[in-house]
Every structure is written in C-alpha cells, then in structure tokens.
Amino acid sequence: MPRDIAGDLARLALSLPETQQRETWGEQTFRVQDKIFLTLSPDGALASLRTTMEQQTELIAMDPTSFSVAPYTGRFGWVLVHLATVDPDLVGEFVVAAWRRTAPRRVVASYERATVDGEDTGRVGRRRSL
C-alpha cells in the first residue's frame, strides 16, 4: 500500500499549535491565525509550501523533479511540491519551517519551549508529529 504523504503532512500541520484546516479554492489549506502556510491538492499529489525566496531557489536547484515555483504565489517564495517524488521527511521539515515563519512569535516560542531541547525537526515519520 503506497504511503499517504498528503495525509501525513495534514496530520503534521494540524499537530502544530493554533493550526486550522479550511477548504479554499477547492484545496485543503492549513493556517495559523488565518495565514496560510501549506496547501494540499484535492488528489493529494501536490503540496504548496511557504518558503523564502532563497529557499525556493535552492529547492528547485536541488531537485527540479520534486520542486517548482508555485502558480500564483511563487512570486512570494512559495514552492509546489510533487509528493510522489519527494522525500517525505524533508517535506515534513519544510512544513514545520513554513509554520514557524507564519505563526506569531509568541506561539513559536511556546512551541519551542514545549519540544525537547527546542529541536523538533518536524519529520513526518516522528511519533510526535503524527
């Protein structure tokens, strides 16, 4: 049975403080204080993540099969992720990083205090994440 990476990412996102899931534009969106940091396509094949422009460039250069500039939001640093070809643990790390970039500082600080040594990598396969 193939791994449900989109489902894993949804569970990971929802495990992060103050995250809410809402359908918008026909896609599942994950938000913190009404700011989107992750979207999942209806078929679970694609994710779109909030990254910095620098990270967007690096990811596309590193693996152009798995990462590309996201339609519409790419000019703001978002990347489109092809879940069939990407390392799930790597994407999990980027989901947590996207949440950290989007969440208010006080929420991130509280999360970091609650994680062991403040080093939760957000790996999809970790028990804490799922």
N, C-alpha and C. Protein backbone atom coordinates (compact mmCIF):
# COMPACT_ATOMS: atom_id res chain seq x y z
N MET A 1 0.85 -1.18 0.00
CA MET A 1 0.00 0.00 0.00
C MET A 1 0.89 1.25 0.00
N PRO A 2 0.68 2.18 -0.94
CA PRO A 2 1.51 3.38 -1.00
C PRO A 2 1.28 4.27 0.23
N ARG A 3 2.32 4.97 0.59
CA ARG A 3 2.26 5.86 1.74
C ARG A 3 1.41 7.08 1.41
N ASP A 4 0.58 7.50 2.35
CA ASP A 4 -0.27 8.68 2.19
C ASP A 4 0.49 9.91 2.69
N ILE A 5 1.37 10.43 1.85
CA ILE A 5 2.21 11.55 2.27
C ILE A 5 1.35 12.79 2.54
N ALA A 6 0.36 13.04 1.71
CA ALA A 6 -0.50 14.21 1.93
C ALA A 6 -1.21 14.09 3.27
N GLY A 7 -1.70 12.91 3.59
CA GLY A 7 -2.34 12.70 4.89
C GLY A 7 -1.38 12.90 6.05
N ASP A 8 -0.15 12.41 5.88
CA ASP A 8 0.88 12.60 6.90
C ASP A 8 1.17 14.09 7.11
N LEU A 9 1.26 14.83 6.00
CA LEU A 9 1.53 16.27 6.10
C LEU A 9 0.37 17.01 6.76
N ALA A 10 -0.86 16.61 6.44
CA ALA A 10 -2.03 17.23 7.06
C ALA A 10 -2.01 16.99 8.57
N ARG A 11 -1.72 15.75 8.98
CA ARG A 11 -1.67 15.45 10.42
C ARG A 11 -0.55 16.23 11.10
N LEU A 12 0.60 16.32 10.44
CA LEU A 12 1.71 17.08 10.99
C LEU A 12 1.31 18.55 11.17
N ALA A 13 0.75 19.14 10.12
CA ALA A 13 0.35 20.56 10.19
C ALA A 13 -0.65 20.78 11.32
N LEU A 14 -1.63 19.89 11.44
CA LEU A 14 -2.65 20.05 12.48
C LEU A 14 -2.11 19.81 13.89
N SER A 15 -0.95 19.17 13.99
CA SER A 15 -0.35 18.96 15.31
C SER A 15 0.38 20.21 15.81
N LEU A 16 0.58 21.17 14.93
CA LEU A 16 1.28 22.41 15.31
C LEU A 16 0.29 23.38 15.95
N PRO A 17 0.71 24.09 17.00
CA PRO A 17 -0.19 24.96 17.75
C PRO A 17 -0.93 25.97 16.87
N GLU A 18 -2.21 26.12 17.19
CA GLU A 18 -3.10 27.11 16.58
C GLU A 18 -3.31 26.93 15.08
N THR A 19 -3.00 25.75 14.55
CA THR A 19 -3.23 25.49 13.13
C THR A 19 -4.68 25.10 12.90
N GLN A 20 -5.25 25.65 11.85
CA GLN A 20 -6.61 25.32 11.44
C GLN A 20 -6.59 24.87 9.98
N GLN A 21 -7.48 23.94 9.66
CA GLN A 21 -7.62 23.45 8.29
C GLN A 21 -8.91 24.00 7.72
N ARG A 22 -8.84 24.49 6.48
CA ARG A 22 -10.02 25.04 5.83
C ARG A 22 -9.91 24.79 4.33
N GLU A 23 -11.03 24.46 3.70
CA GLU A 23 -11.02 24.31 2.25
C GLU A 23 -11.17 25.69 1.61
N THR A 24 -10.25 25.99 0.71
CA THR A 24 -10.25 27.26 -0.02
C THR A 24 -9.78 26.97 -1.44
N TRP A 25 -10.43 27.55 -2.42
CA TRP A 25 -10.08 27.34 -3.83
C TRP A 25 -10.11 25.85 -4.19
N GLY A 26 -10.92 25.06 -3.52
CA GLY A 26 -11.01 23.63 -3.79
C GLY A 26 -9.86 22.82 -3.22
N GLU A 27 -8.99 23.44 -2.44
CA GLU A 27 -7.85 22.75 -1.83
C GLU A 27 -7.92 22.86 -0.32
N GLN A 28 -7.30 21.90 0.35
CA GLN A 28 -7.18 21.99 1.80
C GLN A 28 -6.06 22.96 2.12
N THR A 29 -6.36 23.96 2.94
CA THR A 29 -5.35 24.92 3.35
C THR A 29 -5.14 24.80 4.85
N PHE A 30 -3.92 25.04 5.27
CA PHE A 30 -3.55 24.97 6.68
C PHE A 30 -3.03 26.34 7.06
N ARG A 31 -3.60 26.88 8.15
CA ARG A 31 -3.37 28.27 8.53
C ARG A 31 -3.04 28.39 10.01
N VAL A 32 -2.34 29.44 10.31
CA VAL A 32 -2.16 29.84 11.69
C VAL A 32 -2.54 31.31 11.74
N GLN A 33 -3.49 31.64 12.60
CA GLN A 33 -4.05 32.99 12.68
C GLN A 33 -4.46 33.50 11.30
N ASP A 34 -5.16 32.64 10.58
CA ASP A 34 -5.74 32.92 9.27
C ASP A 34 -4.71 33.21 8.17
N LYS A 35 -3.44 32.86 8.41
CA LYS A 35 -2.40 33.00 7.38
C LYS A 35 -2.00 31.61 6.91
N ILE A 36 -2.09 31.37 5.62
CA ILE A 36 -1.83 30.05 5.05
C ILE A 36 -0.33 29.78 5.00
N PHE A 37 0.05 28.54 5.38
CA PHE A 37 1.45 28.13 5.26
C PHE A 37 1.59 26.83 4.46
N LEU A 38 0.48 26.13 4.20
CA LEU A 38 0.51 24.87 3.46
C LEU A 38 -0.83 24.67 2.76
N THR A 39 -0.77 24.21 1.51
CA THR A 39 -1.98 23.77 0.82
C THR A 39 -1.73 22.37 0.26
N LEU A 40 -2.81 21.59 0.15
CA LEU A 40 -2.74 20.25 -0.43
C LEU A 40 -3.77 20.16 -1.54
N SER A 41 -3.37 19.60 -2.68
CA SER A 41 -4.30 19.45 -3.80
C SER A 41 -5.37 18.42 -3.45
N PRO A 42 -6.53 18.50 -4.10
CA PRO A 42 -7.62 17.57 -3.80
C PRO A 42 -7.24 16.10 -3.99
N ASP A 43 -6.36 15.81 -4.95
CA ASP A 43 -5.97 14.41 -5.19
C ASP A 43 -4.79 13.96 -4.33
N GLY A 44 -4.24 14.87 -3.52
CA GLY A 44 -3.13 14.52 -2.64
C GLY A 44 -1.79 14.36 -3.34
N ALA A 45 -1.71 14.77 -4.59
CA ALA A 45 -0.46 14.62 -5.35
C ALA A 45 0.50 15.79 -5.17
N LEU A 46 -0.05 16.95 -4.81
CA LEU A 46 0.76 18.17 -4.72
C LEU A 46 0.56 18.88 -3.39
N ALA A 47 1.61 19.54 -2.96
CA ALA A 47 1.53 20.44 -1.81
C ALA A 47 2.15 21.76 -2.24
N SER A 48 1.74 22.81 -1.61
CA SER A 48 2.36 24.11 -1.82
C SER A 48 2.75 24.64 -0.45
N LEU A 49 4.01 25.07 -0.34
CA LEU A 49 4.57 25.49 0.94
C LEU A 49 5.10 26.91 0.89
N ARG A 50 4.94 27.59 1.99
CA ARG A 50 5.51 28.93 2.12
C ARG A 50 6.99 28.79 2.48
N THR A 51 7.86 29.29 1.62
CA THR A 51 9.30 29.31 1.88
C THR A 51 9.80 30.72 1.63
N THR A 52 11.06 30.93 1.86
CA THR A 52 11.66 32.22 1.49
C THR A 52 12.05 32.14 0.01
N MET A 53 12.31 33.26 -0.60
CA MET A 53 12.74 33.27 -2.00
C MET A 53 14.04 32.49 -2.15
N GLU A 54 14.93 32.64 -1.19
CA GLU A 54 16.22 31.93 -1.23
C GLU A 54 16.00 30.42 -1.15
N GLN A 55 15.15 29.98 -0.24
CA GLN A 55 14.87 28.55 -0.13
C GLN A 55 14.20 28.02 -1.39
N GLN A 56 13.30 28.80 -1.95
CA GLN A 56 12.62 28.39 -3.18
C GLN A 56 13.65 28.10 -4.27
N THR A 57 14.59 29.01 -4.45
CA THR A 57 15.64 28.85 -5.46
C THR A 57 16.49 27.62 -5.18
N GLU A 58 16.87 27.44 -3.92
CA GLU A 58 17.71 26.30 -3.54
C GLU A 58 16.99 24.96 -3.75
N LEU A 59 15.72 24.89 -3.36
CA LEU A 59 14.97 23.64 -3.51
C LEU A 59 14.80 23.26 -4.98
N ILE A 60 14.48 24.22 -5.81
CA ILE A 60 14.29 23.93 -7.23
C ILE A 60 15.61 23.49 -7.86
N ALA A 61 16.71 24.13 -7.47
CA ALA A 61 18.03 23.74 -8.00
C ALA A 61 18.42 22.35 -7.50
N MET A 62 18.08 22.04 -6.25
CA MET A 62 18.44 20.76 -5.65
C MET A 62 17.67 19.59 -6.28
N ASP A 63 16.37 19.79 -6.54
CA ASP A 63 15.53 18.70 -7.04
C ASP A 63 14.40 19.26 -7.90
N PRO A 64 14.68 19.60 -9.16
CA PRO A 64 13.66 20.19 -10.02
C PRO A 64 12.51 19.24 -10.38
N THR A 65 12.69 17.95 -10.14
CA THR A 65 11.60 17.00 -10.37
C THR A 65 10.55 17.11 -9.28
N SER A 66 10.98 17.39 -8.06
CA SER A 66 10.07 17.44 -6.92
C SER A 66 9.58 18.84 -6.58
N PHE A 67 10.38 19.86 -6.89
CA PHE A 67 10.05 21.23 -6.50
C PHE A 67 9.97 22.14 -7.72
N SER A 68 8.99 23.04 -7.71
CA SER A 68 8.88 24.05 -8.76
C SER A 68 8.24 25.30 -8.15
N VAL A 69 8.28 26.38 -8.91
CA VAL A 69 7.66 27.62 -8.45
C VAL A 69 6.14 27.41 -8.43
N ALA A 70 5.52 27.73 -7.31
CA ALA A 70 4.07 27.55 -7.18
C ALA A 70 3.33 28.56 -8.05
N PRO A 71 2.27 28.10 -8.73
CA PRO A 71 1.47 29.05 -9.51
C PRO A 71 0.86 30.12 -8.59
N TYR A 72 0.77 31.33 -9.07
CA TYR A 72 0.15 32.46 -8.39
C TYR A 72 0.96 32.97 -7.19
N THR A 73 1.41 32.07 -6.29
CA THR A 73 2.09 32.51 -5.06
C THR A 73 3.61 32.37 -5.15
N GLY A 74 4.11 31.82 -6.23
CA GLY A 74 5.54 31.62 -6.38
C GLY A 74 6.35 32.90 -6.28
N ARG A 75 5.77 33.99 -6.72
CA ARG A 75 6.50 35.26 -6.65
C ARG A 75 6.72 35.73 -5.21
N PHE A 76 6.04 35.07 -4.26
CA PHE A 76 6.22 35.37 -2.84
C PHE A 76 7.08 34.31 -2.14
N GLY A 77 7.66 33.39 -2.91
CA GLY A 77 8.55 32.38 -2.35
C GLY A 77 7.93 31.01 -2.16
N TRP A 78 6.68 30.83 -2.52
CA TRP A 78 6.03 29.53 -2.34
C TRP A 78 6.58 28.53 -3.35
N VAL A 79 6.66 27.26 -2.92
CA VAL A 79 7.09 26.19 -3.82
C VAL A 79 5.98 25.16 -3.96
N LEU A 80 5.89 24.60 -5.14
CA LEU A 80 4.99 23.49 -5.42
C LEU A 80 5.80 22.21 -5.24
N VAL A 81 5.25 21.26 -4.49
CA VAL A 81 5.96 20.02 -4.18
C VAL A 81 5.20 18.85 -4.79
N HIS A 82 5.88 18.06 -5.60
CA HIS A 82 5.31 16.85 -6.20
C HIS A 82 5.57 15.72 -5.21
N LEU A 83 4.53 15.31 -4.49
CA LEU A 83 4.69 14.40 -3.36
C LEU A 83 5.13 12.99 -3.75
N ALA A 84 4.90 12.59 -5.00
CA ALA A 84 5.29 11.25 -5.44
C ALA A 84 6.80 11.10 -5.57
N THR A 85 7.51 12.22 -5.71
CA THR A 85 8.95 12.13 -5.97
C THR A 85 9.82 12.70 -4.86
N VAL A 86 9.22 13.21 -3.82
CA VAL A 86 9.98 13.91 -2.78
C VAL A 86 10.17 13.03 -1.54
N ASP A 87 11.23 13.31 -0.79
CA ASP A 87 11.48 12.64 0.49
C ASP A 87 10.47 13.17 1.51
N PRO A 88 9.59 12.30 2.04
CA PRO A 88 8.55 12.76 2.97
C PRO A 88 9.11 13.44 4.22
N ASP A 89 10.23 12.96 4.73
CA ASP A 89 10.81 13.57 5.93
C ASP A 89 11.28 14.99 5.65
N LEU A 90 11.85 15.20 4.47
CA LEU A 90 12.31 16.53 4.08
C LEU A 90 11.13 17.49 4.00
N VAL A 91 10.05 17.05 3.39
CA VAL A 91 8.86 17.91 3.27
C VAL A 91 8.30 18.21 4.65
N GLY A 92 8.32 17.23 5.55
CA GLY A 92 7.86 17.46 6.91
C GLY A 92 8.63 18.57 7.59
N GLU A 93 9.93 18.59 7.38
CA GLU A 93 10.76 19.65 7.94
C GLU A 93 10.35 21.01 7.38
N PHE A 94 10.04 21.05 6.09
CA PHE A 94 9.64 22.32 5.48
C PHE A 94 8.26 22.77 5.93
N VAL A 95 7.37 21.83 6.24
CA VAL A 95 6.05 22.19 6.78
C VAL A 95 6.23 22.90 8.12
N VAL A 96 7.05 22.33 8.99
CA VAL A 96 7.29 22.96 10.29
C VAL A 96 7.96 24.32 10.11
N ALA A 97 8.91 24.41 9.20
CA ALA A 97 9.58 25.69 8.94
C ALA A 97 8.59 26.73 8.41
N ALA A 98 7.68 26.30 7.53
CA ALA A 98 6.66 27.22 6.99
C ALA A 98 5.74 27.70 8.10
N TRP A 99 5.36 26.79 9.00
CA TRP A 99 4.52 27.17 10.14
C TRP A 99 5.26 28.18 11.02
N ARG A 100 6.54 27.92 11.31
CA ARG A 100 7.33 28.83 12.15
C ARG A 100 7.41 30.23 11.52
N ARG A 101 7.54 30.29 10.20
CA ARG A 101 7.62 31.58 9.51
C ARG A 101 6.29 32.33 9.57
N THR A 102 5.20 31.59 9.69
CA THR A 102 3.87 32.18 9.60
C THR A 102 3.26 32.48 10.97
N ALA A 103 3.52 31.65 11.94
CA ALA A 103 2.92 31.79 13.28
C ALA A 103 3.48 33.00 14.01
N PRO A 104 2.68 33.57 14.91
CA PRO A 104 3.19 34.67 15.74
C PRO A 104 4.38 34.20 16.60
N ARG A 105 5.27 35.11 16.88
CA ARG A 105 6.48 34.78 17.64
C ARG A 105 6.17 34.12 18.97
N ARG A 106 5.14 34.59 19.67
CA ARG A 106 4.83 34.02 20.98
C ARG A 106 4.39 32.57 20.86
N VAL A 107 3.69 32.24 19.79
CA VAL A 107 3.24 30.86 19.57
C VAL A 107 4.45 29.98 19.24
N VAL A 108 5.34 30.46 18.41
CA VAL A 108 6.55 29.71 18.06
C VAL A 108 7.41 29.51 19.31
N ALA A 109 7.57 30.56 20.11
CA ALA A 109 8.38 30.46 21.33
C ALA A 109 7.79 29.43 22.29
N SER A 110 6.49 29.41 22.43
CA SER A 110 5.83 28.44 23.30
C SER A 110 6.04 27.02 22.77
N TYR A 111 5.93 26.86 21.47
CA TYR A 111 6.14 25.55 20.83
C TYR A 111 7.57 25.08 21.06
N GLU A 112 8.52 25.99 20.88
CA GLU A 112 9.93 25.62 21.06
C GLU A 112 10.23 25.23 22.50
N ARG A 113 9.60 25.90 23.46
CA ARG A 113 9.80 25.53 24.86
C ARG A 113 9.22 24.15 25.15
N ALA A 114 8.15 23.79 24.44
CA ALA A 114 7.48 22.51 24.68
C ALA A 114 8.16 21.33 24.00
N THR A 115 8.97 21.59 22.98
CA THR A 115 9.65 20.50 22.29
C THR A 115 10.96 20.18 22.99
N VAL A 116 11.39 18.97 22.88
CA VAL A 116 12.61 18.52 23.53
C VAL A 116 13.79 19.31 23.00
N ASP A 117 14.45 20.05 23.86
CA ASP A 117 15.62 20.85 23.52
C ASP A 117 15.35 21.85 22.39
N GLY A 118 14.08 22.11 22.09
CA GLY A 118 13.77 23.04 21.01
C GLY A 118 14.21 22.55 19.65
N GLU A 119 14.43 21.22 19.48
CA GLU A 119 14.97 20.68 18.24
C GLU A 119 14.02 19.75 17.51
N ASP A 120 12.74 19.98 17.58
CA ASP A 120 11.79 19.18 16.83
C ASP A 120 11.98 19.50 15.35
N THR A 121 12.40 18.52 14.58
CA THR A 121 12.66 18.75 13.16
C THR A 121 11.41 18.71 12.32
N GLY A 122 10.32 18.21 12.90
CA GLY A 122 9.09 18.12 12.13
C GLY A 122 9.08 16.98 11.15
N ARG A 123 9.93 16.00 11.32
CA ARG A 123 9.95 14.86 10.41
C ARG A 123 8.60 14.15 10.45
N VAL A 124 8.07 13.88 9.29
CA VAL A 124 6.76 13.28 9.19
C VAL A 124 6.71 11.94 9.91
N GLY A 125 7.78 11.19 9.89
CA GLY A 125 7.79 9.87 10.49
C GLY A 125 7.92 9.85 12.00
N ARG A 126 8.16 10.97 12.63
CA ARG A 126 8.33 11.01 14.08
C ARG A 126 7.00 10.86 14.77
N ARG A 127 7.00 10.15 15.89
CA ARG A 127 5.76 9.91 16.62
C ARG A 127 5.11 11.22 17.05
N ARG A 128 5.90 12.16 17.53
CA ARG A 128 5.36 13.44 17.99
C ARG A 128 4.61 14.15 16.87
N SER A 129 5.08 14.01 15.66
CA SER A 129 4.48 14.69 14.52
C SER A 129 3.17 14.07 14.08
N LEU A 130 3.01 12.81 14.32
CA LEU A 130 1.79 12.15 13.86
C LEU A 130 0.93 11.90 15.04
